[in-house]
Amino acid sequence: MKSVDPAQTGRAEAFALWMKAPVPMVTLFKTLDVTNLIRLSRRGGHKFNMLMCWCAGRAASQVEQFYLLPVGDGLVEYDRLAVNTVVETADGGISTCDIPFSPAPGQFEQDYLRLTAQVHNTCQPHDLEDCMVIGTSALVQTEIDGAVNIYAGCYNNPFLIWGRYRKKFLKTTLPLSFQFHHTQMDGAHAARFLELLQKEIRELPPIL
């Protein structure tokens, strides 16, 4: 990771327009077909949330804007991605866990299981400072159409929120919301990410 001059990046105009905006976050809503992930989860014994996180990381890795994040009053360029998930801890609370993205789903699954177990047992978060982190939150207690997250001004990372998936005949769908900082990307980049996310979900092979 390194600090970069915004004027020397493709986000120079967006930086000037949106970096000081009172509410610079944008939220898009999309319903995904997650039938393939349900099938892989059941047949292979894989956690559905882990599969979703890997697909999110894989889709983001194909969109260059994800590697440049507004931090403080500037931009930071990263060469690695991670996906964050919320973990229920042994003391009944919750904490967060950053899992480094690996293009190999099997490696990501190993890291996911190891690190989430660590956070659960220690009740301490696992943070990766050298990665651009994609936040996720799975509100599986209920079905939701999406969510608009708070903006605190200190956490500008892109964020995905979903609830309980919905079954209908032979198809299973999952509505979600994707929040991003307008300085980091435009709506077209976010839309491309969501299309890639759907593609990765549909094409993820059964071999992990």
Protein backbone atom coordinates (compact mmCIF):
# COMPACT_ATOMS: atom_id res chain seq x y z
CA MET A 1 0.00 0.00 0.00
CA LYS A 2 1.18 3.53 -0.72
CA SER A 3 -0.19 7.08 -0.69
CA VAL A 4 -0.67 8.51 -4.17
CA ASP A 5 -1.25 11.95 -5.62
CA PRO A 6 -4.94 12.06 -6.61
CA ALA A 7 -4.08 14.29 -9.59
CA GLN A 8 -1.96 11.47 -11.01
CA THR A 9 -4.77 8.92 -10.90
CA GLY A 10 -7.88 8.25 -12.93
CA ARG A 11 -9.94 9.46 -9.97
CA ALA A 12 -8.63 13.05 -9.97
CA GLU A 13 -11.95 14.65 -10.99
CA ALA A 14 -13.95 12.42 -8.62
CA PHE A 15 -11.55 13.31 -5.79
CA ALA A 16 -12.15 17.03 -6.38
CA LEU A 17 -15.92 16.58 -6.58
CA TRP A 18 -16.69 14.08 -3.85
CA MET A 19 -13.88 13.85 -1.30
CA LYS A 20 -15.32 16.69 0.80
CA ALA A 21 -18.98 15.91 0.12
CA PRO A 22 -21.08 15.66 3.33
CA VAL A 23 -22.40 12.23 2.30
CA PRO A 24 -20.11 10.80 -0.42
CA MET A 25 -21.43 7.24 -0.25
CA VAL A 26 -23.65 5.73 -2.94
CA THR A 27 -25.78 2.60 -2.47
CA LEU A 28 -26.98 0.27 -5.22
CA PHE A 29 -29.48 -2.57 -4.76
CA LYS A 30 -29.50 -5.82 -6.72
CA THR A 31 -31.12 -9.25 -6.46
CA LEU A 32 -28.72 -12.09 -7.24
CA ASP A 33 -29.41 -15.64 -8.36
CA VAL A 34 -27.48 -17.72 -5.78
CA THR A 35 -28.86 -21.13 -6.77
CA ASN A 36 -25.37 -22.41 -7.64
CA LEU A 37 -23.95 -21.36 -4.25
CA ILE A 38 -26.76 -23.14 -2.41
CA ARG A 39 -25.99 -26.28 -4.42
CA LEU A 40 -22.25 -26.06 -3.72
CA SER A 41 -22.83 -25.33 -0.05
CA ARG A 42 -25.02 -28.39 0.44
CA ARG A 43 -23.12 -30.85 -1.71
CA GLY A 44 -19.62 -29.82 -0.69
CA GLY A 45 -20.24 -28.86 2.93
CA HIS A 46 -19.05 -25.28 2.31
CA LYS A 47 -20.36 -22.29 4.25
CA PHE A 48 -22.66 -20.16 2.12
CA ASN A 49 -21.22 -16.95 3.61
CA MET A 50 -17.69 -18.06 2.72
CA LEU A 51 -18.74 -18.69 -0.88
CA MET A 52 -20.36 -15.26 -1.09
CA CYS A 53 -17.24 -13.60 0.32
CA TRP A 54 -14.96 -15.36 -2.16
CA CYS A 55 -17.17 -14.39 -5.10
CA ALA A 56 -17.17 -10.77 -3.89
CA GLY A 57 -13.38 -10.77 -3.69
CA ARG A 58 -13.05 -12.42 -7.10
CA ALA A 59 -15.39 -9.89 -8.73
CA ALA A 60 -13.65 -6.93 -7.06
CA SER A 61 -10.22 -8.16 -8.19
CA GLN A 62 -11.34 -7.58 -11.79
CA VAL A 63 -12.29 -3.91 -11.23
CA GLU A 64 -9.21 -1.69 -10.90
CA GLN A 65 -11.02 1.01 -8.91
CA PHE A 66 -11.19 -1.33 -5.92
CA TYR A 67 -7.44 -0.98 -5.42
CA LEU A 68 -7.59 2.79 -4.80
CA LEU A 69 -9.30 3.90 -1.57
CA PRO A 70 -9.92 7.36 -0.05
CA VAL A 71 -8.22 7.38 3.35
CA GLY A 72 -8.08 10.52 5.50
CA ASP A 73 -7.60 13.43 3.11
CA GLY A 74 -5.92 11.46 0.34
CA LEU A 75 -5.88 8.30 -1.72
CA VAL A 76 -4.10 5.06 -0.91
CA GLU A 77 -3.24 2.49 -3.55
CA TYR A 78 -3.25 -1.19 -2.58
CA ASP A 79 -1.96 -4.27 -4.36
CA ARG A 80 -3.97 -6.75 -2.27
CA LEU A 81 -7.65 -7.22 -1.42
CA ALA A 82 -9.36 -8.72 1.61
CA VAL A 83 -12.97 -9.46 2.49
CA ASN A 84 -14.30 -8.65 5.94
CA THR A 85 -17.01 -10.65 7.67
CA VAL A 86 -18.78 -10.23 11.00
CA VAL A 87 -18.18 -13.07 13.48
CA GLU A 88 -20.19 -14.05 16.54
CA THR A 89 -17.73 -14.35 19.43
CA ALA A 90 -17.56 -16.88 22.25
CA ASP A 91 -18.69 -14.29 24.80
CA GLY A 92 -21.92 -13.63 22.90
CA GLY A 93 -20.78 -10.46 21.17
CA ILE A 94 -19.63 -9.80 17.62
CA SER A 95 -16.31 -8.85 16.06
CA THR A 96 -14.88 -8.45 12.58
CA CYS A 97 -12.47 -10.59 10.59
CA ASP A 98 -10.45 -9.64 7.50
CA ILE A 99 -9.75 -12.60 5.22
CA PRO A 100 -7.07 -12.07 2.54
CA PHE A 101 -8.48 -12.72 -0.90
CA SER A 102 -6.93 -15.61 -2.79
CA PRO A 103 -7.85 -16.42 -6.39
CA ALA A 104 -7.86 -20.08 -5.31
CA PRO A 105 -11.23 -20.73 -3.59
CA GLY A 106 -9.77 -23.62 -1.59
CA GLN A 107 -7.07 -21.42 -0.05
CA PHE A 108 -9.61 -18.71 0.73
CA GLU A 109 -11.83 -21.29 2.45
CA GLN A 110 -8.94 -22.47 4.63
CA ASP A 111 -8.10 -18.90 5.64
CA TYR A 112 -11.78 -18.11 6.23
CA LEU A 113 -12.32 -21.06 8.56
CA ARG A 114 -9.05 -20.52 10.44
CA LEU A 115 -9.39 -16.78 10.94
CA THR A 116 -13.10 -16.70 11.80
CA ALA A 117 -12.48 -19.45 14.38
CA GLN A 118 -9.64 -17.36 15.80
CA VAL A 119 -11.86 -14.29 16.11
CA HIS A 120 -14.67 -16.37 17.63
CA ASN A 121 -12.38 -17.89 20.30
CA THR A 122 -10.30 -14.81 21.16
CA CYS A 123 -13.17 -12.31 20.89
CA GLN A 124 -10.68 -9.98 19.17
CA PRO A 125 -10.91 -8.60 15.61
CA HIS A 126 -8.49 -9.66 12.90
CA ASP A 127 -7.45 -6.63 10.84
CA LEU A 128 -5.30 -6.47 7.71
CA GLU A 129 -3.85 -2.98 7.36
CA ASP A 130 -2.08 -3.66 4.05
CA CYS A 131 -5.20 -4.70 2.11
CA MET A 132 -8.12 -2.84 0.58
CA VAL A 133 -10.94 -4.41 2.56
CA ILE A 134 -14.41 -5.11 1.21
CA GLY A 135 -16.86 -5.10 4.11
CA THR A 136 -19.74 -7.56 4.31
CA SER A 137 -22.58 -8.10 6.75
CA ALA A 138 -24.98 -11.05 6.56
CA LEU A 139 -28.24 -10.35 8.41
CA VAL A 140 -29.53 -13.89 8.10
CA GLN A 141 -32.08 -13.44 10.90
CA THR A 142 -34.55 -12.04 8.38
CA GLU A 143 -35.20 -11.33 4.72
CA ILE A 144 -34.25 -7.81 3.64
CA ASP A 145 -34.41 -5.94 0.35
CA GLY A 146 -31.22 -4.06 1.14
CA ALA A 147 -29.74 -1.57 3.58
CA VAL A 148 -28.19 1.90 3.58
CA ASN A 149 -25.29 1.87 5.99
CA ILE A 150 -24.18 4.73 8.24
CA TYR A 151 -21.43 7.08 7.08
CA ALA A 152 -19.02 8.00 9.85
CA GLY A 153 -16.34 9.67 7.72
CA CYS A 154 -13.56 7.35 8.92
CA TYR A 155 -14.50 4.14 7.08
CA ASN A 156 -14.72 4.61 3.33
CA ASN A 157 -14.43 0.98 2.28
CA PRO A 158 -16.99 -0.59 -0.06
CA PHE A 159 -19.61 -2.59 1.80
CA LEU A 160 -22.05 -5.39 0.93
CA ILE A 161 -25.09 -6.22 3.07
CA TRP A 162 -27.50 -9.12 2.55
CA GLY A 163 -30.07 -10.99 4.58
CA ARG A 164 -31.72 -14.40 4.31
CA TYR A 165 -31.88 -15.88 0.83
CA ARG A 166 -35.25 -16.63 -0.74
CA LYS A 167 -36.30 -19.93 -2.28
CA LYS A 168 -38.81 -20.14 -5.12
CA PHE A 169 -39.31 -23.38 -7.03
CA LEU A 170 -35.88 -24.31 -8.51
CA LYS A 171 -34.33 -20.87 -8.02
CA THR A 172 -32.85 -19.17 -4.95
CA THR A 173 -32.34 -15.42 -4.88
CA LEU A 174 -30.55 -13.02 -2.57
CA PRO A 175 -31.26 -9.27 -2.50
CA LEU A 176 -28.28 -7.20 -1.38
CA SER A 177 -27.00 -3.66 -1.20
CA PHE A 178 -23.60 -2.37 -2.26
CA GLN A 179 -22.31 0.85 -0.74
CA PHE A 180 -19.22 2.63 -2.08
CA HIS A 181 -17.43 5.96 -1.82
CA HIS A 182 -18.00 8.04 -4.95
CA THR A 183 -14.33 9.10 -4.91
CA GLN A 184 -13.28 5.48 -5.27
CA MET A 185 -15.58 4.58 -8.15
CA ASP A 186 -18.52 5.72 -10.24
CA GLY A 187 -21.87 4.04 -10.66
CA ALA A 188 -20.71 2.32 -13.85
CA HIS A 189 -17.80 0.68 -12.01
CA ALA A 190 -20.11 -0.44 -9.21
CA ALA A 191 -22.58 -1.84 -11.74
CA ARG A 192 -19.78 -3.76 -13.45
CA PHE A 193 -18.74 -5.19 -10.08
CA LEU A 194 -22.29 -6.39 -9.38
CA GLU A 195 -22.51 -8.01 -12.83
CA LEU A 196 -19.17 -9.72 -12.24
CA LEU A 197 -20.37 -10.85 -8.80
CA GLN A 198 -23.39 -12.52 -10.39
CA LYS A 199 -21.15 -14.12 -13.03
CA GLU A 200 -18.76 -15.53 -10.41
CA ILE A 201 -21.68 -16.91 -8.38
CA ARG A 202 -23.15 -18.68 -11.42
CA GLU A 203 -19.84 -20.05 -12.70
CA LEU A 204 -18.10 -21.04 -9.47
CA PRO A 205 -17.11 -24.70 -10.02
CA PRO A 206 -17.78 -27.48 -7.48
CA ILE A 207 -14.05 -28.05 -6.96
CA LEU A 208 -12.63 -26.10 -4.02
